[in-house]
PDB file of all heavy atoms in Angstrom:
ATOM      1  N   ASP A   1       0.833  -1.203   0.003  1.00  0.00           N
ATOM      2  CA  ASP A   1       0.010  -0.007  -0.003  1.00  0.00           C
ATOM      3  C   ASP A   1       0.872   1.252   0.008  1.00  0.00           C
ATOM      4  O   ASP A   1       0.573   2.247  -0.671  1.00  0.00           O
ATOM      5  CB  ASP A   1      -0.911  -0.001   1.216  1.00  0.00           C
ATOM      6  CG  ASP A   1      -2.135  -0.870   1.049  1.00  0.00           C
ATOM      7  OD1 ASP A   1      -2.300  -1.481  -0.057  1.00  0.00           O
ATOM      8  OD2 ASP A   1      -2.941  -1.008   1.999  1.00  0.00           O
ATOM      9  N   ILE A   2       1.950   1.214   0.784  1.00  0.00           N
ATOM     10  CA  ILE A   2       2.858   2.364   0.825  1.00  0.00           C
ATOM     11  C   ILE A   2       3.495   2.573  -0.542  1.00  0.00           C
ATOM     12  O   ILE A   2       3.592   3.718  -1.037  1.00  0.00           O
ATOM     13  CB  ILE A   2       3.933   2.156   1.925  1.00  0.00           C
ATOM     14  CG1 ILE A   2       3.292   2.040   3.305  1.00  0.00           C
ATOM     15  CG2 ILE A   2       4.964   3.272   1.889  1.00  0.00           C
ATOM     16  CD1 ILE A   2       4.255   1.556   4.389  1.00  0.00           C
ATOM     17  N   MET A   3       3.941   1.521  -1.156  1.00  0.00           N
ATOM     18  CA  MET A   3       4.593   1.600  -2.469  1.00  0.00           C
ATOM     19  C   MET A   3       3.637   2.161  -3.514  1.00  0.00           C
ATOM     20  O   MET A   3       3.995   3.043  -4.303  1.00  0.00           O
ATOM     21  CB  MET A   3       5.113   0.223  -2.883  1.00  0.00           C
ATOM     22  CG  MET A   3       6.227  -0.295  -1.974  1.00  0.00           C
ATOM     23  SD  MET A   3       6.561  -2.072  -2.192  1.00  0.00           S
ATOM     24  CE  MET A   3       7.297  -2.081  -3.816  1.00  0.00           C
ATOM     25  N   GLN A   4       2.410   1.639  -3.524  1.00  0.00           N
ATOM     26  CA  GLN A   4       1.422   2.094  -4.512  1.00  0.00           C
ATOM     27  C   GLN A   4       1.104   3.567  -4.316  1.00  0.00           C
ATOM     28  O   GLN A   4       0.969   4.331  -5.274  1.00  0.00           O
ATOM     29  CB  GLN A   4       0.150   1.240  -4.386  1.00  0.00           C
ATOM     30  CG  GLN A   4      -0.979   1.691  -5.301  1.00  0.00           C
ATOM     31  CD  GLN A   4      -0.698   1.453  -6.768  1.00  0.00           C
ATOM     32  OE1 GLN A   4       0.238   0.751  -7.127  1.00  0.00           O
ATOM     33  NE2 GLN A   4      -1.531   2.057  -7.628  1.00  0.00           N
ATOM     34  N   GLU A   5       1.007   4.032  -3.078  1.00  0.00           N
ATOM     35  CA  GLU A   5       0.710   5.433  -2.775  1.00  0.00           C
ATOM     36  C   GLU A   5       1.821   6.346  -3.285  1.00  0.00           C
ATOM     37  O   GLU A   5       1.581   7.395  -3.876  1.00  0.00           O
ATOM     38  CB  GLU A   5       0.525   5.591  -1.274  1.00  0.00           C
ATOM     39  CG  GLU A   5       0.222   7.010  -0.807  1.00  0.00           C
ATOM     40  CD  GLU A   5      -1.170   7.475  -1.185  1.00  0.00           C
ATOM     41  OE1 GLU A   5      -2.057   6.619  -1.399  1.00  0.00           O
ATOM     42  OE2 GLU A   5      -1.373   8.698  -1.275  1.00  0.00           O
ATOM     43  N   ILE A   6       3.073   5.956  -3.026  1.00  0.00           N
ATOM     44  CA  ILE A   6       4.213   6.760  -3.493  1.00  0.00           C
ATOM     45  C   ILE A   6       4.250   6.796  -5.017  1.00  0.00           C
ATOM     46  O   ILE A   6       4.500   7.839  -5.649  1.00  0.00           O
ATOM     47  CB  ILE A   6       5.529   6.217  -2.917  1.00  0.00           C
ATOM     48  CG1 ILE A   6       5.542   6.288  -1.391  1.00  0.00           C
ATOM     49  CG2 ILE A   6       6.727   6.995  -3.491  1.00  0.00           C
ATOM     50  CD1 ILE A   6       6.731   5.587  -0.742  1.00  0.00           C
ATOM     51  N   LEU A   7       4.013   5.640  -5.616  1.00  0.00           N
ATOM     52  CA  LEU A   7       4.075   5.524  -7.085  1.00  0.00           C
ATOM     53  C   LEU A   7       3.068   6.426  -7.779  1.00  0.00           C
ATOM     54  O   LEU A   7       3.366   7.014  -8.807  1.00  0.00           O
ATOM     55  CB  LEU A   7       3.828   4.057  -7.472  1.00  0.00           C
ATOM     56  CG  LEU A   7       3.920   3.709  -8.955  1.00  0.00           C
ATOM     57  CD1 LEU A   7       5.352   3.866  -9.455  1.00  0.00           C
ATOM     58  CD2 LEU A   7       3.384   2.292  -9.218  1.00  0.00           C
ATOM     59  N   THR A   8       1.895   6.572  -7.223  1.00  0.00           N
ATOM     60  CA  THR A   8       0.827   7.314  -7.906  1.00  0.00           C
ATOM     61  C   THR A   8       0.677   8.771  -7.415  1.00  0.00           C
ATOM     62  O   THR A   8       0.267   9.639  -8.166  1.00  0.00           O
ATOM     63  CB  THR A   8      -0.522   6.596  -7.727  1.00  0.00           C
ATOM     64  OG1 THR A   8      -0.797   6.448  -6.324  1.00  0.00           O
ATOM     65  CG2 THR A   8      -0.480   5.241  -8.358  1.00  0.00           C
ATOM     66  N   SER A   9       0.986   9.008  -6.103  1.00  0.00           N
ATOM     67  CA  SER A   9       0.666  10.340  -5.550  1.00  0.00           C
ATOM     68  C   SER A   9       1.828  11.073  -4.934  1.00  0.00           C
ATOM     69  O   SER A   9       1.697  12.204  -4.510  1.00  0.00           O
ATOM     70  CB  SER A   9      -0.441  10.190  -4.476  1.00  0.00           C
ATOM     71  OG  SER A   9      -1.572   9.554  -5.026  1.00  0.00           O
ATOM     72  N   GLY A  10       2.995  10.413  -4.791  1.00  0.00           N
ATOM     73  CA  GLY A  10       4.165  11.114  -4.286  1.00  0.00           C
ATOM     74  C   GLY A  10       4.572  10.647  -2.894  1.00  0.00           C
ATOM     75  O   GLY A  10       3.983   9.741  -2.296  1.00  0.00           O
ATOM     76  N   PRO A  11       5.628  11.263  -2.348  1.00  0.00           N
ATOM     77  CA  PRO A  11       6.195  10.854  -1.050  1.00  0.00           C
ATOM     78  C   PRO A  11       5.159  10.853   0.069  1.00  0.00           C
ATOM     79  O   PRO A  11       4.163  11.577   0.036  1.00  0.00           O
ATOM     80  CB  PRO A  11       7.260  11.931  -0.791  1.00  0.00           C
ATOM     81  CG  PRO A  11       7.680  12.355  -2.151  1.00  0.00           C
ATOM     82  CD  PRO A  11       6.433  12.333  -2.983  1.00  0.00           C
ATOM     83  N   VAL A  12       5.400   9.997   1.060  1.00  0.00           N
ATOM     84  CA  VAL A  12       4.538   9.859   2.224  1.00  0.00           C
ATOM     85  C   VAL A  12       5.331  10.149   3.498  1.00  0.00           C
ATOM     86  O   VAL A  12       6.557  10.209   3.478  1.00  0.00           O
ATOM     87  CB  VAL A  12       3.946   8.430   2.288  1.00  0.00           C
ATOM     88  CG1 VAL A  12       3.052   8.154   1.073  1.00  0.00           C
ATOM     89  CG2 VAL A  12       5.044   7.372   2.411  1.00  0.00           C
ATOM     90  N   GLN A  13       4.613  10.351   4.561  1.00  0.00           N
ATOM     91  CA  GLN A  13       5.230  10.637   5.863  1.00  0.00           C
ATOM     92  C   GLN A  13       5.325   9.337   6.673  1.00  0.00           C
ATOM     93  O   GLN A  13       4.340   8.611   6.786  1.00  0.00           O
ATOM     94  CB  GLN A  13       4.390  11.672   6.615  1.00  0.00           C
ATOM     95  CG  GLN A  13       4.975  12.094   7.959  1.00  0.00           C
ATOM     96  CD  GLN A  13       4.054  13.078   8.655  1.00  0.00           C
ATOM     97  OE1 GLN A  13       2.850  12.859   8.762  1.00  0.00           O
ATOM     98  NE2 GLN A  13       4.625  14.186   9.108  1.00  0.00           N
ATOM     99  N   ALA A  14       6.495   9.096   7.242  1.00  0.00           N
ATOM    100  CA  ALA A  14       6.695   7.897   8.070  1.00  0.00           C
ATOM    101  C   ALA A  14       7.309   8.300   9.388  1.00  0.00           C
ATOM    102  O   ALA A  14       8.132   9.235   9.450  1.00  0.00           O
ATOM    103  CB  ALA A  14       7.572   6.866   7.351  1.00  0.00           C
ATOM    104  N   THR A  15       6.953   7.569  10.442  1.00  0.00           N
ATOM    105  CA  THR A  15       7.513   7.793  11.755  1.00  0.00           C
ATOM    106  C   THR A  15       8.148   6.492  12.242  1.00  0.00           C
ATOM    107  O   THR A  15       7.552   5.431  12.085  1.00  0.00           O
ATOM    108  CB  THR A  15       6.422   8.257  12.743  1.00  0.00           C
ATOM    109  OG1 THR A  15       5.863   9.478  12.282  1.00  0.00           O
ATOM    110  CG2 THR A  15       6.990   8.496  14.133  1.00  0.00           C
ATOM    111  N   PHE A  16       9.333   6.581  12.829  1.00  0.00           N
ATOM    112  CA  PHE A  16      10.017   5.386  13.292  1.00  0.00           C
ATOM    113  C   PHE A  16      10.709   5.642  14.626  1.00  0.00           C
ATOM    114  O   PHE A  16      10.993   6.793  14.977  1.00  0.00           O
ATOM    115  CB  PHE A  16      11.002   4.847  12.246  1.00  0.00           C
ATOM    116  CG  PHE A  16      12.198   5.743  12.002  1.00  0.00           C
ATOM    117  CD1 PHE A  16      13.427   5.421  12.518  1.00  0.00           C
ATOM    118  CD2 PHE A  16      12.083   6.891  11.244  1.00  0.00           C
ATOM    119  CE1 PHE A  16      14.530   6.224  12.268  1.00  0.00           C
ATOM    120  CE2 PHE A  16      13.162   7.717  11.003  1.00  0.00           C
ATOM    121  CZ  PHE A  16      14.402   7.378  11.510  1.00  0.00           C
ATOM    122  N   ARG A  17      11.021   4.557  15.308  1.00  0.00           N
ATOM    123  CA  ARG A  17      11.675   4.650  16.592  1.00  0.00           C
ATOM    124  C   ARG A  17      13.189   4.778  16.386  1.00  0.00           C
ATOM    125  O   ARG A  17      13.773   4.040  15.598  1.00  0.00           O
ATOM    126  CB  ARG A  17      11.383   3.409  17.462  1.00  0.00           C
ATOM    127  CG  ARG A  17      11.978   3.476  18.843  1.00  0.00           C
ATOM    128  CD  ARG A  17      11.506   2.335  19.722  1.00  0.00           C
ATOM    129  NE  ARG A  17      12.084   2.428  21.049  1.00  0.00           N
ATOM    130  CZ  ARG A  17      11.809   1.590  22.049  1.00  0.00           C
ATOM    131  NH1 ARG A  17      10.965   0.588  21.842  1.00  0.00           N
ATOM    132  NH2 ARG A  17      12.379   1.729  23.212  1.00  0.00           N
ATOM    133  N   VAL A  18      13.811   5.705  17.112  1.00  0.00           N
ATOM    134  CA  VAL A  18      15.237   5.988  16.921  1.00  0.00           C
ATOM    135  C   VAL A  18      16.063   5.457  18.099  1.00  0.00           C
ATOM    136  O   VAL A  18      15.679   5.596  19.255  1.00  0.00           O
ATOM    137  CB  VAL A  18      15.459   7.515  16.794  1.00  0.00           C
ATOM    138  CG1 VAL A  18      16.941   7.845  16.714  1.00  0.00           C
ATOM    139  CG2 VAL A  18      14.776   8.032  15.523  1.00  0.00           C
ATOM    140  N   TYR A  19      17.187   4.835  17.727  1.00  0.00           N
ATOM    141  CA  TYR A  19      18.167   4.353  18.706  1.00  0.00           C
ATOM    142  C   TYR A  19      19.480   5.133  18.510  1.00  0.00           C
ATOM    143  O   TYR A  19      19.663   5.825  17.530  1.00  0.00           O
ATOM    144  CB  TYR A  19      18.406   2.851  18.521  1.00  0.00           C
ATOM    145  CG  TYR A  19      17.190   2.015  18.747  1.00  0.00           C
ATOM    146  CD1 TYR A  19      16.278   1.777  17.749  1.00  0.00           C
ATOM    147  CD2 TYR A  19      16.962   1.438  19.990  1.00  0.00           C
ATOM    148  CE1 TYR A  19      15.144   0.990  17.948  1.00  0.00           C
ATOM    149  CE2 TYR A  19      15.836   0.645  20.230  1.00  0.00           C
ATOM    150  CZ  TYR A  19      14.942   0.424  19.204  1.00  0.00           C
ATOM    151  OH  TYR A  19      13.821  -0.359  19.406  1.00  0.00           O
ATOM    152  N   GLN A  20      20.378   4.961  19.464  1.00  0.00           N
ATOM    153  CA  GLN A  20      21.636   5.720  19.478  1.00  0.00           C
ATOM    154  C   GLN A  20      22.430   5.544  18.166  1.00  0.00           C
ATOM    155  O   GLN A  20      22.996   6.499  17.658  1.00  0.00           O
ATOM    156  CB  GLN A  20      22.482   5.328  20.670  1.00  0.00           C
ATOM    157  CG  GLN A  20      23.790   6.091  20.778  1.00  0.00           C
ATOM    158  CD  GLN A  20      24.654   5.590  21.925  1.00  0.00           C
ATOM    159  OE1 GLN A  20      24.426   4.493  22.455  1.00  0.00           O
ATOM    160  NE2 GLN A  20      25.631   6.356  22.337  1.00  0.00           N
ATOM    161  N   ASP A  21      22.467   4.332  17.618  1.00  0.00           N
ATOM    162  CA  ASP A  21      23.342   4.088  16.484  1.00  0.00           C
ATOM    163  C   ASP A  21      22.871   4.824  15.235  1.00  0.00           C
ATOM    164  O   ASP A  21      23.685   5.127  14.343  1.00  0.00           O
ATOM    165  CB  ASP A  21      23.463   2.593  16.196  1.00  0.00           C
ATOM    166  CG  ASP A  21      22.106   1.909  15.940  1.00  0.00           C
ATOM    167  OD1 ASP A  21      21.057   2.584  16.066  1.00  0.00           O
ATOM    168  OD2 ASP A  21      22.109   0.702  15.646  1.00  0.00           O
ATOM    169  N   PHE A  22      21.590   5.193  15.139  1.00  0.00           N
ATOM    170  CA  PHE A  22      21.085   5.855  13.941  1.00  0.00           C
ATOM    171  C   PHE A  22      21.750   7.216  13.725  1.00  0.00           C
ATOM    172  O   PHE A  22      21.960   7.624  12.591  1.00  0.00           O
ATOM    173  CB  PHE A  22      19.568   6.018  14.013  1.00  0.00           C
ATOM    174  CG  PHE A  22      18.961   6.694  12.834  1.00  0.00           C
ATOM    175  CD1 PHE A  22      18.855   6.036  11.618  1.00  0.00           C
ATOM    176  CD2 PHE A  22      18.521   8.009  12.902  1.00  0.00           C
ATOM    177  CE1 PHE A  22      18.328   6.664  10.492  1.00  0.00           C
ATOM    178  CE2 PHE A  22      17.980   8.650  11.789  1.00  0.00           C
ATOM    179  CZ  PHE A  22      17.888   7.981  10.593  1.00  0.00           C
ATOM    180  N   PHE A  23      22.101   7.912  14.790  1.00  0.00           N
ATOM    181  CA  PHE A  23      22.724   9.231  14.667  1.00  0.00           C
ATOM    182  C   PHE A  23      24.060   9.136  13.923  1.00  0.00           C
ATOM    183  O   PHE A  23      24.499  10.123  13.336  1.00  0.00           O
ATOM    184  CB  PHE A  23      22.917   9.857  16.035  1.00  0.00           C
ATOM    185  CG  PHE A  23      21.648  10.269  16.701  1.00  0.00           C
ATOM    186  CD1 PHE A  23      21.025   9.442  17.629  1.00  0.00           C
ATOM    187  CD2 PHE A  23      21.063  11.494  16.428  1.00  0.00           C
ATOM    188  CE1 PHE A  23      19.840   9.815  18.255  1.00  0.00           C
ATOM    189  CE2 PHE A  23      19.883  11.895  17.050  1.00  0.00           C
ATOM    190  CZ  PHE A  23      19.264  11.053  17.949  1.00  0.00           C
ATOM    191  N   SER A  24      24.703   7.980  13.962  1.00  0.00           N
ATOM    192  CA  SER A  24      26.027   7.811  13.345  1.00  0.00           C
ATOM    193  C   SER A  24      25.959   7.173  11.954  1.00  0.00           C
ATOM    194  O   SER A  24      26.998   6.846  11.390  1.00  0.00           O
ATOM    195  CB  SER A  24      26.940   6.970  14.251  1.00  0.00           C
ATOM    196  OG  SER A  24      27.100   7.595  15.517  1.00  0.00           O
ATOM    197  N   TYR A  25      24.758   6.986  11.433  1.00  0.00           N
ATOM    198  CA  TYR A  25      24.599   6.350  10.103  1.00  0.00           C
ATOM    199  C   TYR A  25      25.355   7.154   9.038  1.00  0.00           C
ATOM    200  O   TYR A  25      25.259   8.384   8.981  1.00  0.00           O
ATOM    201  CB  TYR A  25      23.116   6.263   9.748  1.00  0.00           C
ATOM    202  CG  TYR A  25      22.844   5.869   8.311  1.00  0.00           C
ATOM    203  CD1 TYR A  25      22.746   4.526   7.949  1.00  0.00           C
ATOM    204  CD2 TYR A  25      22.683   6.829   7.321  1.00  0.00           C
ATOM    205  CE1 TYR A  25      22.488   4.160   6.632  1.00  0.00           C
ATOM    206  CE2 TYR A  25      22.419   6.472   6.012  1.00  0.00           C
ATOM    207  CZ  TYR A  25      22.328   5.148   5.661  1.00  0.00           C
ATOM    208  OH  TYR A  25      22.079   4.784   4.368  1.00  0.00           O
ATOM    209  N   GLU A  26      26.077   6.439   8.159  1.00  0.00           N
ATOM    210  CA  GLU A  26      26.772   7.082   7.046  1.00  0.00           C
ATOM    211  C   GLU A  26      26.246   6.586   5.712  1.00  0.00           C
ATOM    212  O   GLU A  26      25.923   7.384   4.819  1.00  0.00           O
ATOM    213  CB  GLU A  26      28.257   6.844   7.127  1.00  0.00           C
ATOM    214  CG  GLU A  26      29.019   7.459   5.976  1.00  0.00           C
ATOM    215  CD  GLU A  26      30.502   7.198   6.016  1.00  0.00           C
ATOM    216  OE1 GLU A  26      30.896   6.066   6.425  1.00  0.00           O
ATOM    217  OE2 GLU A  26      31.305   8.065   5.637  1.00  0.00           O
ATOM    218  N   SER A  27      26.155   5.275   5.536  1.00  0.00           N
ATOM    219  CA  SER A  27      25.742   4.728   4.239  1.00  0.00           C
ATOM    220  C   SER A  27      25.324   3.288   4.420  1.00  0.00           C
ATOM    221  O   SER A  27      25.620   2.651   5.435  1.00  0.00           O
ATOM    222  CB  SER A  27      26.878   4.838   3.227  1.00  0.00           C
ATOM    223  OG  SER A  27      27.980   4.067   3.656  1.00  0.00           O
ATOM    224  N   GLY A  28      24.609   2.759   3.386  1.00  0.00           N
ATOM    225  CA  GLY A  28      24.157   1.378   3.409  1.00  0.00           C
ATOM    226  C   GLY A  28      22.690   1.267   3.778  1.00  0.00           C
ATOM    227  O   GLY A  28      21.983   2.275   3.900  1.00  0.00           O
ATOM    228  N   VAL A  29      22.259   0.031   3.987  1.00  0.00           N
ATOM    229  CA  VAL A  29      20.857  -0.232   4.364  1.00  0.00           C
ATOM    230  C   VAL A  29      20.822  -0.399   5.893  1.00  0.00           C
ATOM    231  O   VAL A  29      21.311  -1.391   6.410  1.00  0.00           O
ATOM    232  CB  VAL A  29      20.315  -1.470   3.652  1.00  0.00           C
ATOM    233  CG1 VAL A  29      18.879  -1.737   4.093  1.00  0.00           C
ATOM    234  CG2 VAL A  29      20.375  -1.282   2.138  1.00  0.00           C
ATOM    235  N   TYR A  30      20.217   0.555   6.543  1.00  0.00           N
ATOM    236  CA  TYR A  30      20.221   0.589   8.020  1.00  0.00           C
ATOM    237  C   TYR A  30      19.282  -0.450   8.629  1.00  0.00           C
ATOM    238  O   TYR A  30      18.173  -0.676   8.149  1.00  0.00           O
ATOM    239  CB  TYR A  30      19.807   1.981   8.495  1.00  0.00           C
ATOM    240  CG  TYR A  30      19.615   2.072  10.008  1.00  0.00           C
ATOM    241  CD1 TYR A  30      20.721   2.202  10.842  1.00  0.00           C
ATOM    242  CD2 TYR A  30      18.351   1.977  10.590  1.00  0.00           C
ATOM    243  CE1 TYR A  30      20.566   2.270  12.225  1.00  0.00           C
ATOM    244  CE2 TYR A  30      18.183   2.041  11.957  1.00  0.00           C
ATOM    245  CZ  TYR A  30      19.296   2.178  12.788  1.00  0.00           C
ATOM    246  OH  TYR A  30      19.128   2.237  14.141  1.00  0.00           O
ATOM    247  N   ARG A  31      19.752  -1.051   9.688  1.00  0.00           N
ATOM    248  CA  ARG A  31      18.928  -1.776  10.621  1.00  0.00           C
ATOM    249  C   ARG A  31      19.549  -1.597  11.982  1.00  0.00           C
ATOM    250  O   ARG A  31      20.777  -1.519  12.109  1.00  0.00           O
ATOM    251  CB  ARG A  31      18.768  -3.248  10.268  1.00  0.00           C
ATOM    252  CG  ARG A  31      20.015  -4.090  10.264  1.00  0.00           C
ATOM    253  CD  ARG A  31      19.718  -5.480   9.741  1.00  0.00           C
ATOM    254  NE  ARG A  31      20.911  -6.296   9.611  1.00  0.00           N
ATOM    255  CZ  ARG A  31      21.318  -7.192  10.529  1.00  0.00           C
ATOM    256  NH1 ARG A  31      20.609  -7.373  11.636  1.00  0.00           N
ATOM    257  NH2 ARG A  31      22.399  -7.904  10.343  1.00  0.00           N
ATOM    258  N   HIS A  32      18.723  -1.545  12.995  1.00  0.00           N
ATOM    259  CA  HIS A  32      19.227  -1.292  14.349  1.00  0.00           C
ATOM    260  C   HIS A  32      20.208  -2.348  14.789  1.00  0.00           C
ATOM    261  O   HIS A  32      19.952  -3.544  14.691  1.00  0.00           O
ATOM    262  CB  HIS A  32      18.025  -1.229  15.299  1.00  0.00           C
ATOM    263  CG  HIS A  32      18.399  -1.210  16.737  1.00  0.00           C
ATOM    264  ND1 HIS A  32      19.376  -0.390  17.255  1.00  0.00           N
ATOM    265  CD2 HIS A  32      17.914  -1.897  17.802  1.00  0.00           C
ATOM    266  CE1 HIS A  32      19.468  -0.576  18.550  1.00  0.00           C
ATOM    267  NE2 HIS A  32      18.611  -1.499  18.903  1.00  0.00           N
ATOM    268  N   SER A  33      21.394  -1.902  15.224  1.00  0.00           N
ATOM    269  CA  SER A  33      22.438  -2.825  15.663  1.00  0.00           C
ATOM    270  C   SER A  33      22.275  -3.158  17.146  1.00  0.00           C
ATOM    271  O   SER A  33      21.619  -2.413  17.888  1.00  0.00           O
ATOM    272  CB  SER A  33      23.819  -2.174  15.456  1.00  0.00           C
ATOM    273  OG  SER A  33      24.062  -1.191  16.429  1.00  0.00           O
ATOM    274  N   PRO A  34      22.843  -4.249  17.604  1.00  0.00           N
ATOM    275  CA  PRO A  34      22.767  -4.601  19.037  1.00  0.00           C
ATOM    276  C   PRO A  34      23.639  -3.709  19.912  1.00  0.00           C
ATOM    277  O   PRO A  34      23.589  -3.784  21.116  1.00  0.00           O
ATOM    278  CB  PRO A  34      23.272  -6.050  19.082  1.00  0.00           C
ATOM    279  CG  PRO A  34      24.133  -6.186  17.885  1.00  0.00           C
ATOM    280  CD  PRO A  34      23.532  -5.295  16.825  1.00  0.00           C
ATOM    281  N   PHE A  35      24.442  -2.813  19.271  1.00  0.00           N
ATOM    282  CA  PHE A  35      25.366  -1.967  20.039  1.00  0.00           C
ATOM    283  C   PHE A  35      24.748  -0.648  20.451  1.00  0.00           C
ATOM    284  O   PHE A  35      25.258   0.033  21.322  1.00  0.00           O
ATOM    285  CB  PHE A  35      26.642  -1.711  19.231  1.00  0.00           C
ATOM    286  CG  PHE A  35      27.180  -2.929  18.570  1.00  0.00           C
ATOM    287  CD1 PHE A  35      27.283  -2.992  17.177  1.00  0.00           C
ATOM    288  CD2 PHE A  35      27.587  -4.023  19.314  1.00  0.00           C
ATOM    289  CE1 PHE A  35      27.783  -4.117  16.548  1.00  0.00           C
ATOM    290  CE2 PHE A  35      28.067  -5.159  18.692  1.00  0.00           C
ATOM    291  CZ  PHE A  35      28.185  -5.201  17.314  1.00  0.00           C
TER     292      PHE A  35
END
């Protein structure tokens, strides 16, 4: 549903939970680390 909405009508708003490691993200496909 999210993909179809973006494809036809444009970007959507998403909210997610943030952990400490996210602030240091540089590149790649993020997933929360155990650190």
